[in-house]
């Protein structure tokens, strides 16, 4: 049902995040009518209302003086190939020949 869908969306944190949204709850009659319309138009034969949505993931980073500084190129004491347990290949060479 639409109410199950709303419960599932709320459980995964997909609620109205708009700062300027109305804080007044919808009238019960509006929600009941919306549930009827969803059931009539969008429900599967078993009564489930399916939903699709997109996830957007953002991550930000900015350098800070407290962060570790990268080492000078060529200063490594261990080869990456040795750490990974694979043979080292010259740059530009493709695996398998």
PDB file of N, CA and C in Angstrom:
ATOM      1  N   UNK A   1       0.843  -1.192   0.000  1.00  0.00           N
ATOM      2  CA  UNK A   1       0.000   0.000   0.000  1.00  0.00           C
ATOM      3  C   UNK A   1       0.883   1.248   0.000  1.00  0.00           C
ATOM      4  N   UNK A   2       0.260   2.350  -0.254  1.00  0.00           N
ATOM      5  CA  UNK A   2       0.994   3.606  -0.224  1.00  0.00           C
ATOM      6  C   UNK A   2       1.568   3.854   1.171  1.00  0.00           C
ATOM      7  N   UNK A   3       0.835   3.459   2.206  1.00  0.00           N
ATOM      8  CA  UNK A   3       1.308   3.684   3.571  1.00  0.00           C
ATOM      9  C   UNK A   3       2.526   2.810   3.884  1.00  0.00           C
ATOM     10  N   UNK A   4       2.545   1.590   3.350  1.00  0.00           N
ATOM     11  CA  UNK A   4       3.727   0.734   3.507  1.00  0.00           C
ATOM     12  C   UNK A   4       4.924   1.353   2.787  1.00  0.00           C
ATOM     13  N   UNK A   5       4.672   1.879   1.589  1.00  0.00           N
ATOM     14  CA  UNK A   5       5.733   2.537   0.832  1.00  0.00           C
ATOM     15  C   UNK A   5       6.272   3.737   1.610  1.00  0.00           C
ATOM     16  N   UNK A   6       5.389   4.540   2.165  1.00  0.00           N
ATOM     17  CA  UNK A   6       5.815   5.704   2.944  1.00  0.00           C
ATOM     18  C   UNK A   6       6.633   5.268   4.162  1.00  0.00           C
ATOM     19  N   UNK A   7       6.207   4.187   4.818  1.00  0.00           N
ATOM     20  CA  UNK A   7       6.941   3.678   5.980  1.00  0.00           C
ATOM     21  C   UNK A   7       8.341   3.214   5.567  1.00  0.00           C
ATOM     22  N   UNK A   8       8.421   2.487   4.444  1.00  0.00           N
ATOM     23  CA  UNK A   8       9.720   2.010   3.967  1.00  0.00           C
ATOM     24  C   UNK A   8      10.640   3.173   3.596  1.00  0.00           C
ATOM     25  N   UNK A   9      10.101   4.171   2.910  1.00  0.00           N
ATOM     26  CA  UNK A   9      10.902   5.338   2.536  1.00  0.00           C
ATOM     27  C   UNK A   9      11.403   6.076   3.775  1.00  0.00           C
ATOM     28  N   UNK A  10      10.537   6.234   4.759  1.00  0.00           N
ATOM     29  CA  UNK A  10      10.936   6.911   5.993  1.00  0.00           C
ATOM     30  C   UNK A  10      12.021   6.104   6.711  1.00  0.00           C
ATOM     31  N   UNK A  11      11.900   4.763   6.704  1.00  0.00           N
ATOM     32  CA  UNK A  11      12.880   3.906   7.379  1.00  0.00           C
ATOM     33  C   UNK A  11      14.262   4.015   6.742  1.00  0.00           C
ATOM     34  N   UNK A  12      14.311   4.288   5.437  1.00  0.00           N
ATOM     35  CA  UNK A  12      15.618   4.423   4.786  1.00  0.00           C
ATOM     36  C   UNK A  12      16.079   5.880   4.720  1.00  0.00           C
ATOM     37  N   UNK A  13      15.371   6.774   5.391  1.00  0.00           N
ATOM     38  CA  UNK A  13      15.794   8.164   5.475  1.00  0.00           C
ATOM     39  C   UNK A  13      15.367   9.028   4.311  1.00  0.00           C
ATOM     40  N   UNK A  14      14.465   8.540   3.476  1.00  0.00           N
ATOM     41  CA  UNK A  14      14.020   9.297   2.303  1.00  0.00           C
ATOM     42  C   UNK A  14      12.766  10.092   2.661  1.00  0.00           C
ATOM     43  N   UNK A  15      12.951  11.122   3.447  1.00  0.00           N
ATOM     44  CA  UNK A  15      11.831  11.974   3.831  1.00  0.00           C
ATOM     45  C   UNK A  15      12.014  13.342   3.200  1.00  0.00           C
ATOM     46  N   UNK A  16      11.047  14.193   3.378  1.00  0.00           N
ATOM     47  CA  UNK A  16      11.096  15.526   2.789  1.00  0.00           C
ATOM     48  C   UNK A  16      12.156  16.360   3.503  1.00  0.00           C
ATOM     49  N   UNK A  17      13.233  16.657   2.807  1.00  0.00           N
ATOM     50  CA  UNK A  17      14.346  17.400   3.400  1.00  0.00           C
ATOM     51  C   UNK A  17      14.292  18.893   3.091  1.00  0.00           C
ATOM     52  N   UNK A  18      13.224  19.346   2.464  1.00  0.00           N
ATOM     53  CA  UNK A  18      13.139  20.762   2.112  1.00  0.00           C
ATOM     54  C   UNK A  18      12.993  21.612   3.370  1.00  0.00           C
ATOM     55  N   UNK A  19      13.812  22.620   3.490  1.00  0.00           N
ATOM     56  CA  UNK A  19      13.787  23.480   4.663  1.00  0.00           C
ATOM     57  C   UNK A  19      12.469  24.242   4.741  1.00  0.00           C
ATOM     58  N   UNK A  20      11.954  24.694   3.607  1.00  0.00           N
ATOM     59  CA  UNK A  20      10.766  25.537   3.606  1.00  0.00           C
ATOM     60  C   UNK A  20       9.478  24.760   3.366  1.00  0.00           C
ATOM     61  N   UNK A  21       9.477  23.472   3.691  1.00  0.00           N
ATOM     62  CA  UNK A  21       8.262  22.672   3.515  1.00  0.00           C
ATOM     63  C   UNK A  21       7.248  23.048   4.585  1.00  0.00           C
ATOM     64  N   UNK A  22       6.003  22.744   4.309  1.00  0.00           N
ATOM     65  CA  UNK A  22       4.949  22.986   5.289  1.00  0.00           C
ATOM     66  C   UNK A  22       5.138  22.028   6.459  1.00  0.00           C
ATOM     67  N   UNK A  23       5.055  22.531   7.652  1.00  0.00           N
ATOM     68  CA  UNK A  23       5.190  21.695   8.855  1.00  0.00           C
ATOM     69  C   UNK A  23       3.836  21.126   9.289  1.00  0.00           C
ATOM     70  N   UNK A  24       2.780  21.583   8.635  1.00  0.00           N
ATOM     71  CA  UNK A  24       1.437  21.123   8.992  1.00  0.00           C
ATOM     72  C   UNK A  24       1.181  19.770   8.344  1.00  0.00           C
ATOM     73  N   UNK A  25       0.756  18.768   9.091  1.00  0.00           N
ATOM     74  CA  UNK A  25       0.500  17.455   8.493  1.00  0.00           C
ATOM     75  C   UNK A  25      -0.676  17.504   7.520  1.00  0.00           C
ATOM     76  N   UNK A  26      -0.635  16.601   6.541  1.00  0.00           N
ATOM     77  CA  UNK A  26      -1.751  16.499   5.600  1.00  0.00           C
ATOM     78  C   UNK A  26      -2.996  16.005   6.319  1.00  0.00           C
ATOM     79  N   UNK A  27      -4.144  16.432   5.825  1.00  0.00           N
ATOM     80  CA  UNK A  27      -5.404  15.953   6.397  1.00  0.00           C
ATOM     81  C   UNK A  27      -5.538  14.456   6.129  1.00  0.00           C
ATOM     82  N   UNK A  28      -6.129  13.741   7.048  1.00  0.00           N
ATOM     83  CA  UNK A  28      -6.321  12.296   6.915  1.00  0.00           C
ATOM     84  C   UNK A  28      -7.051  11.953   5.617  1.00  0.00           C
ATOM     85  N   UNK A  29      -8.052  12.751   5.256  1.00  0.00           N
ATOM     86  CA  UNK A  29      -8.823  12.489   4.035  1.00  0.00           C
ATOM     87  C   UNK A  29      -7.931  12.564   2.796  1.00  0.00           C
ATOM     88  N   UNK A  30      -6.975  13.480   2.787  1.00  0.00           N
ATOM     89  CA  UNK A  30      -6.061  13.613   1.650  1.00  0.00           C
ATOM     90  C   UNK A  30      -5.192  12.361   1.534  1.00  0.00           C
ATOM     91  N   UNK A  31      -4.650  11.899   2.646  1.00  0.00           N
ATOM     92  CA  UNK A  31      -3.821  10.693   2.633  1.00  0.00           C
ATOM     93  C   UNK A  31      -4.625   9.463   2.221  1.00  0.00           C
ATOM     94  N   UNK A  32      -5.842   9.335   2.722  1.00  0.00           N
ATOM     95  CA  UNK A  32      -6.671   8.180   2.359  1.00  0.00           C
ATOM     96  C   UNK A  32      -7.016   8.198   0.877  1.00  0.00           C
ATOM     97  N   UNK A  33      -7.322   9.375   0.331  1.00  0.00           N
ATOM     98  CA  UNK A  33      -7.631   9.468  -1.099  1.00  0.00           C
ATOM     99  C   UNK A  33      -6.387   9.170  -1.936  1.00  0.00           C
ATOM    100  N   UNK A  34      -5.243   9.677  -1.509  1.00  0.00           N
ATOM    101  CA  UNK A  34      -3.996   9.385  -2.218  1.00  0.00           C
ATOM    102  C   UNK A  34      -3.724   7.883  -2.214  1.00  0.00           C
ATOM    103  N   UNK A  35      -3.989   7.217  -1.106  1.00  0.00           N
ATOM    104  CA  UNK A  35      -3.798   5.763  -1.023  1.00  0.00           C
ATOM    105  C   UNK A  35      -4.725   5.043  -1.996  1.00  0.00           C
ATOM    106  N   UNK A  36      -5.957   5.515  -2.124  1.00  0.00           N
ATOM    107  CA  UNK A  36      -6.901   4.922  -3.083  1.00  0.00           C
ATOM    108  C   UNK A  36      -6.378   5.069  -4.515  1.00  0.00           C
ATOM    109  N   UNK A  37      -5.921   6.272  -4.856  1.00  0.00           N
ATOM    110  CA  UNK A  37      -5.422   6.539  -6.208  1.00  0.00           C
ATOM    111  C   UNK A  37      -4.191   5.680  -6.496  1.00  0.00           C
ATOM    112  N   UNK A  38      -3.275   5.602  -5.546  1.00  0.00           N
ATOM    113  CA  UNK A  38      -2.094   4.751  -5.730  1.00  0.00           C
ATOM    114  C   UNK A  38      -2.504   3.305  -5.956  1.00  0.00           C
ATOM    115  N   UNK A  39      -3.435   2.819  -5.171  1.00  0.00           N
ATOM    116  CA  UNK A  39      -3.876   1.427  -5.307  1.00  0.00           C
ATOM    117  C   UNK A  39      -4.517   1.193  -6.673  1.00  0.00           C
ATOM    118  N   UNK A  40      -5.327   2.141  -7.120  1.00  0.00           N
ATOM    119  CA  UNK A  40      -6.007   1.994  -8.413  1.00  0.00           C
ATOM    120  C   UNK A  40      -5.024   2.051  -9.581  1.00  0.00           C
ATOM    121  N   UNK A  41      -4.082   2.973  -9.526  1.00  0.00           N
ATOM    122  CA  UNK A  41      -3.219   3.234 -10.682  1.00  0.00           C
ATOM    123  C   UNK A  41      -1.881   2.493 -10.675  1.00  0.00           C
ATOM    124  N   UNK A  42      -1.338   2.239  -9.508  1.00  0.00           N
ATOM    125  CA  UNK A  42       0.047   1.777  -9.458  1.00  0.00           C
ATOM    126  C   UNK A  42       0.275   0.444  -8.760  1.00  0.00           C
ATOM    127  N   UNK A  43      -0.737  -0.120  -8.140  1.00  0.00           N
ATOM    128  CA  UNK A  43      -0.522  -1.359  -7.386  1.00  0.00           C
ATOM    129  C   UNK A  43      -0.397  -2.556  -8.316  1.00  0.00           C
ATOM    130  N   UNK A  44       0.480  -3.484  -7.932  1.00  0.00           N
ATOM    131  CA  UNK A  44       0.585  -4.772  -8.611  1.00  0.00           C
ATOM    132  C   UNK A  44      -0.651  -5.596  -8.257  1.00  0.00           C
ATOM    133  N   UNK A  45      -0.869  -6.711  -8.950  1.00  0.00           N
ATOM    134  CA  UNK A  45      -2.020  -7.566  -8.613  1.00  0.00           C
ATOM    135  C   UNK A  45      -2.036  -8.012  -7.147  1.00  0.00           C
ATOM    136  N   UNK A  46      -0.851  -8.111  -6.534  1.00  0.00           N
ATOM    137  CA  UNK A  46      -0.809  -8.514  -5.119  1.00  0.00           C
ATOM    138  C   UNK A  46      -0.982  -7.331  -4.164  1.00  0.00           C
ATOM    139  N   UNK A  47      -1.248  -6.129  -4.707  1.00  0.00           N
ATOM    140  CA  UNK A  47      -1.501  -4.957  -3.883  1.00  0.00           C
ATOM    141  C   UNK A  47      -0.266  -4.147  -3.528  1.00  0.00           C
ATOM    142  N   UNK A  48       0.897  -4.586  -3.965  1.00  0.00           N
ATOM    143  CA  UNK A  48       2.123  -3.848  -3.649  1.00  0.00           C
ATOM    144  C   UNK A  48       2.281  -2.639  -4.561  1.00  0.00           C
ATOM    145  N   UNK A  49       2.726  -1.552  -3.976  1.00  0.00           N
ATOM    146  CA  UNK A  49       3.039  -0.346  -4.736  1.00  0.00           C
ATOM    147  C   UNK A  49       4.557  -0.298  -4.849  1.00  0.00           C
ATOM    148  N   UNK A  50       5.068  -0.436  -6.044  1.00  0.00           N
ATOM    149  CA  UNK A  50       6.513  -0.466  -6.268  1.00  0.00           C
ATOM    150  C   UNK A  50       7.016   0.955  -6.545  1.00  0.00           C
ATOM    151  N   UNK A  51       8.238   1.186  -6.176  1.00  0.00           N
ATOM    152  CA  UNK A  51       8.831   2.508  -6.386  1.00  0.00           C
ATOM    153  C   UNK A  51      10.262   2.345  -6.861  1.00  0.00           C
ATOM    154  N   UNK A  52      10.695   3.249  -7.699  1.00  0.00           N
ATOM    155  CA  UNK A  52      12.100   3.315  -8.091  1.00  0.00           C
ATOM    156  C   UNK A  52      12.620   4.680  -7.673  1.00  0.00           C
ATOM    157  N   UNK A  53      13.892   4.741  -7.389  1.00  0.00           N
ATOM    158  CA  UNK A  53      14.486   6.005  -6.993  1.00  0.00           C
ATOM    159  C   UNK A  53      15.960   5.973  -7.334  1.00  0.00           C
ATOM    160  N   UNK A  54      16.555   7.137  -7.390  1.00  0.00           N
ATOM    161  CA  UNK A  54      17.980   7.270  -7.675  1.00  0.00           C
ATOM    162  C   UNK A  54      18.706   7.656  -6.393  1.00  0.00           C
ATOM    163  N   UNK A  55      19.868   7.084  -6.206  1.00  0.00           N
ATOM    164  CA  UNK A  55      20.717   7.458  -5.085  1.00  0.00           C
ATOM    165  C   UNK A  55      21.804   8.386  -5.601  1.00  0.00           C
ATOM    166  N   UNK A  56      22.013   9.457  -4.893  1.00  0.00           N
ATOM    167  CA  UNK A  56      23.083  10.387  -5.227  1.00  0.00           C
ATOM    168  C   UNK A  56      24.032  10.403  -4.036  1.00  0.00           C
ATOM    169  N   UNK A  57      25.298  10.141  -4.294  1.00  0.00           N
ATOM    170  CA  UNK A  57      26.299  10.085  -3.233  1.00  0.00           C
ATOM    171  C   UNK A  57      27.366  11.124  -3.532  1.00  0.00           C
ATOM    172  N   UNK A  58      27.599  11.984  -2.591  1.00  0.00           N
ATOM    173  CA  UNK A  58      28.622  13.012  -2.753  1.00  0.00           C
ATOM    174  C   UNK A  58      29.652  12.869  -1.644  1.00  0.00           C
ATOM    175  N   UNK A  59      30.874  13.159  -1.975  1.00  0.00           N
ATOM    176  CA  UNK A  59      31.942  13.138  -0.988  1.00  0.00           C
ATOM    177  C   UNK A  59      32.865  14.309  -1.287  1.00  0.00           C
ATOM    178  N   UNK A  60      33.234  15.015  -0.265  1.00  0.00           N
ATOM    179  CA  UNK A  60      34.111  16.155  -0.467  1.00  0.00           C
ATOM    180  C   UNK A  60      35.418  15.979   0.293  1.00  0.00           C
ATOM    181  N   UNK A  61      36.466  16.594  -0.202  1.00  0.00           N
ATOM    182  CA  UNK A  61      37.774  16.514   0.435  1.00  0.00           C
ATOM    183  C   UNK A  61      38.529  17.789   0.117  1.00  0.00           C
ATOM    184  N   UNK A  62      39.267  18.241   1.082  1.00  0.00           N
ATOM    185  CA  UNK A  62      40.127  19.395   0.873  1.00  0.00           C
ATOM    186  C   UNK A  62      41.412  19.151   1.670  1.00  0.00           C
ATOM    187  N   UNK A  63      42.561  19.504   1.115  1.00  0.00           N
ATOM    188  CA  UNK A  63      43.813  19.300   1.851  1.00  0.00           C
ATOM    189  C   UNK A  63      43.820  20.084   3.167  1.00  0.00           C
ATOM    190  N   UNK A  64      44.525  19.551   4.152  1.00  0.00           N
ATOM    191  CA  UNK A  64      44.666  20.222   5.437  1.00  0.00           C
ATOM    192  C   UNK A  64      46.108  20.056   5.895  1.00  0.00           C
ATOM    193  N   UNK A  65      46.637  21.057   6.581  1.00  0.00           N
ATOM    194  CA  UNK A  65      48.048  20.999   6.970  1.00  0.00           C
ATOM    195  C   UNK A  65      48.351  19.846   7.922  1.00  0.00           C
ATOM    196  N   UNK A  66      47.350  19.303   8.601  1.00  0.00           N
ATOM    197  CA  UNK A  66      47.589  18.197   9.530  1.00  0.00           C
ATOM    198  C   UNK A  66      47.674  16.840   8.828  1.00  0.00           C
ATOM    199  N   UNK A  67      47.340  16.791   7.551  1.00  0.00           N
ATOM    200  CA  UNK A  67      47.371  15.520   6.832  1.00  0.00           C
ATOM    201  C   UNK A  67      48.797  15.125   6.468  1.00  0.00           C
ATOM    202  N   UNK A  68      48.994  13.816   6.390  1.00  0.00           N
ATOM    203  CA  UNK A  68      50.292  13.293   5.974  1.00  0.00           C
ATOM    204  C   UNK A  68      50.597  13.764   4.555  1.00  0.00           C
ATOM    205  N   UNK A  69      51.847  14.123   4.325  1.00  0.00           N
ATOM    206  CA  UNK A  69      52.261  14.580   2.993  1.00  0.00           C
ATOM    207  C   UNK A  69      52.701  13.378   2.161  1.00  0.00           C
ATOM    208  N   UNK A  70      52.450  13.406   0.849  1.00  0.00           N
ATOM    209  CA  UNK A  70      52.874  12.288  -0.002  1.00  0.00           C
ATOM    210  C   UNK A  70      54.402  12.214  -0.069  1.00  0.00           C
ATOM    211  N   UNK A  71      54.889  10.987  -0.212  1.00  0.00           N
ATOM    212  CA  UNK A  71      56.334  10.793  -0.351  1.00  0.00           C
ATOM    213  C   UNK A  71      56.787  11.207  -1.743  1.00  0.00           C
ATOM    214  N   UNK A  72      58.083  11.478  -1.861  1.00  0.00           N
ATOM    215  CA  UNK A  72      58.682  11.851  -3.134  1.00  0.00           C
ATOM    216  C   UNK A  72      58.609  10.650  -4.078  1.00  0.00           C
ATOM    217  N   UNK A  73      58.225  10.842  -5.350  1.00  0.00           N
ATOM    218  CA  UNK A  73      58.181   9.727  -6.304  1.00  0.00           C
ATOM    219  C   UNK A  73      59.522   8.998  -6.348  1.00  0.00           C
ATOM    220  N   UNK A  74      59.475   7.674  -6.327  1.00  0.00           N
ATOM    221  CA  UNK A  74      60.683   6.856  -6.370  1.00  0.00           C
ATOM    222  C   UNK A  74      61.291   6.580  -5.010  1.00  0.00           C
ATOM    223  N   UNK A  75      60.687   7.054  -3.924  1.00  0.00           N
ATOM    224  CA  UNK A  75      61.264   6.876  -2.590  1.00  0.00           C
ATOM    225  C   UNK A  75      60.767   5.611  -1.884  1.00  0.00           C
ATOM    226  N   UNK A  76      59.916   4.840  -2.523  1.00  0.00           N
ATOM    227  CA  UNK A  76      59.381   3.627  -1.893  1.00  0.00           C
ATOM    228  C   UNK A  76      60.485   2.606  -1.656  1.00  0.00           C
ATOM    229  N   UNK A  77      60.380   1.847  -0.562  1.00  0.00           N
ATOM    230  CA  UNK A  77      61.362   0.808  -0.251  1.00  0.00           C
ATOM    231  C   UNK A  77      60.869  -0.567  -0.690  1.00  0.00           C
ATOM    232  N   UNK A  78      59.585  -0.693  -0.944  1.00  0.00           N
ATOM    233  CA  UNK A  78      58.993  -1.964  -1.362  1.00  0.00           C
ATOM    234  C   UNK A  78      58.242  -1.741  -2.662  1.00  0.00           C
ATOM    235  N   UNK A  79      58.397  -2.666  -3.579  1.00  0.00           N
ATOM    236  CA  UNK A  79      57.690  -2.547  -4.855  1.00  0.00           C
ATOM    237  C   UNK A  79      56.224  -2.949  -4.666  1.00  0.00           C
ATOM    238  N   UNK A  80      55.334  -2.244  -5.319  1.00  0.00           N
ATOM    239  CA  UNK A  80      53.913  -2.561  -5.253  1.00  0.00           C
ATOM    240  C   UNK A  80      53.653  -3.968  -5.778  1.00  0.00           C
ATOM    241  N   UNK A  81      54.345  -4.357  -6.841  1.00  0.00           N
ATOM    242  CA  UNK A  81      54.163  -5.694  -7.406  1.00  0.00           C
ATOM    243  C   UNK A  81      54.484  -6.767  -6.365  1.00  0.00           C
ATOM    244  N   UNK A  82      55.537  -6.550  -5.549  1.00  0.00           N
ATOM    245  CA  UNK A  82      55.877  -7.513  -4.496  1.00  0.00           C
ATOM    246  C   UNK A  82      54.783  -7.568  -3.434  1.00  0.00           C
ATOM    247  N   UNK A  83      54.272  -6.412  -3.043  1.00  0.00           N
ATOM    248  CA  UNK A  83      53.215  -6.371  -2.033  1.00  0.00           C
ATOM    249  C   UNK A  83      51.954  -7.071  -2.522  1.00  0.00           C
ATOM    250  N   UNK A  84      51.675  -6.966  -3.822  1.00  0.00           N
ATOM    251  CA  UNK A  84      50.483  -7.598  -4.394  1.00  0.00           C
ATOM    252  C   UNK A  84      50.731  -9.041  -4.812  1.00  0.00           C
ATOM    253  N   UNK A  85      51.997  -9.448  -4.832  1.00  0.00           N
ATOM    254  CA  UNK A  85      52.328 -10.809  -5.227  1.00  0.00           C
ATOM    255  C   UNK A  85      52.128 -11.080  -6.706  1.00  0.00           C
ATOM    256  N   UNK A  86      52.419 -10.080  -7.534  1.00  0.00           N
ATOM    257  CA  UNK A  86      52.270 -10.231  -8.988  1.00  0.00           C
ATOM    258  C   UNK A  86      53.576  -9.815  -9.650  1.00  0.00           C
ATOM    259  N   UNK A  87      53.820 -10.283 -10.883  1.00  0.00           N
ATOM    260  CA  UNK A  87      55.043  -9.842 -11.565  1.00  0.00           C
ATOM    261  C   UNK A  87      54.927  -8.381 -11.994  1.00  0.00           C
ATOM    262  N   UNK A  88      56.041  -7.670 -11.911  1.00  0.00           N
ATOM    263  CA  UNK A  88      56.048  -6.273 -12.346  1.00  0.00           C
ATOM    264  C   UNK A  88      56.136  -6.230 -13.863  1.00  0.00           C
ATOM    265  N   UNK A  89      55.350  -5.330 -14.461  1.00  0.00           N
ATOM    266  CA  UNK A  89      55.330  -5.196 -15.918  1.00  0.00           C
ATOM    267  C   UNK A  89      55.758  -3.782 -16.282  1.00  0.00           C
ATOM    268  N   UNK A  90      56.573  -3.644 -17.319  1.00  0.00           N
ATOM    269  CA  UNK A  90      56.950  -2.296 -17.764  1.00  0.00           C
ATOM    270  C   UNK A  90      55.704  -1.498 -18.159  1.00  0.00           C
ATOM    271  N   UNK A  91      55.750  -0.188 -17.969  1.00  0.00           N
ATOM    272  CA  UNK A  91      54.587   0.624 -18.325  1.00  0.00           C
ATOM    273  C   UNK A  91      54.317   0.512 -19.818  1.00  0.00           C
ATOM    274  N   UNK A  92      53.058   0.507 -20.169  1.00  0.00           N
ATOM    275  CA  UNK A  92      52.652   0.400 -21.562  1.00  0.00           C
ATOM    276  C   UNK A  92      52.455  -1.033 -22.016  1.00  0.00           C
ATOM    277  N   UNK A  93      52.996  -1.998 -21.260  1.00  0.00           N
ATOM    278  CA  UNK A  93      52.821  -3.404 -21.631  1.00  0.00           C
ATOM    279  C   UNK A  93      51.488  -3.901 -21.089  1.00  0.00           C
ATOM    280  N   UNK A  94      50.771  -4.651 -21.911  1.00  0.00           N
ATOM    281  CA  UNK A  94      49.461  -5.149 -21.507  1.00  0.00           C
ATOM    282  C   UNK A  94      49.594  -6.548 -20.917  1.00  0.00           C
ATOM    283  N   UNK A  95      48.751  -6.884 -19.935  1.00  0.00           N
ATOM    284  CA  UNK A  95      48.793  -8.225 -19.360  1.00  0.00           C
ATOM    285  C   UNK A  95      48.555  -9.284 -20.436  1.00  0.00           C
ATOM    286  N   UNK A  96      49.249 -10.399 -20.325  1.00  0.00           N
ATOM    287  CA  UNK A  96      49.051 -11.496 -21.256  1.00  0.00           C
ATOM    288  C   UNK A  96      49.849 -11.356 -22.540  1.00  0.00           C
ATOM    289  N   UNK A  97      50.766 -10.455 -22.631  1.00  0.00           N
ATOM    290  CA  UNK A  97      51.602 -10.433 -23.818  1.00  0.00           C
ATOM    291  C   UNK A  97      51.639  -9.121 -24.456  1.00  0.00           C
TER     292      UNK A  97
END
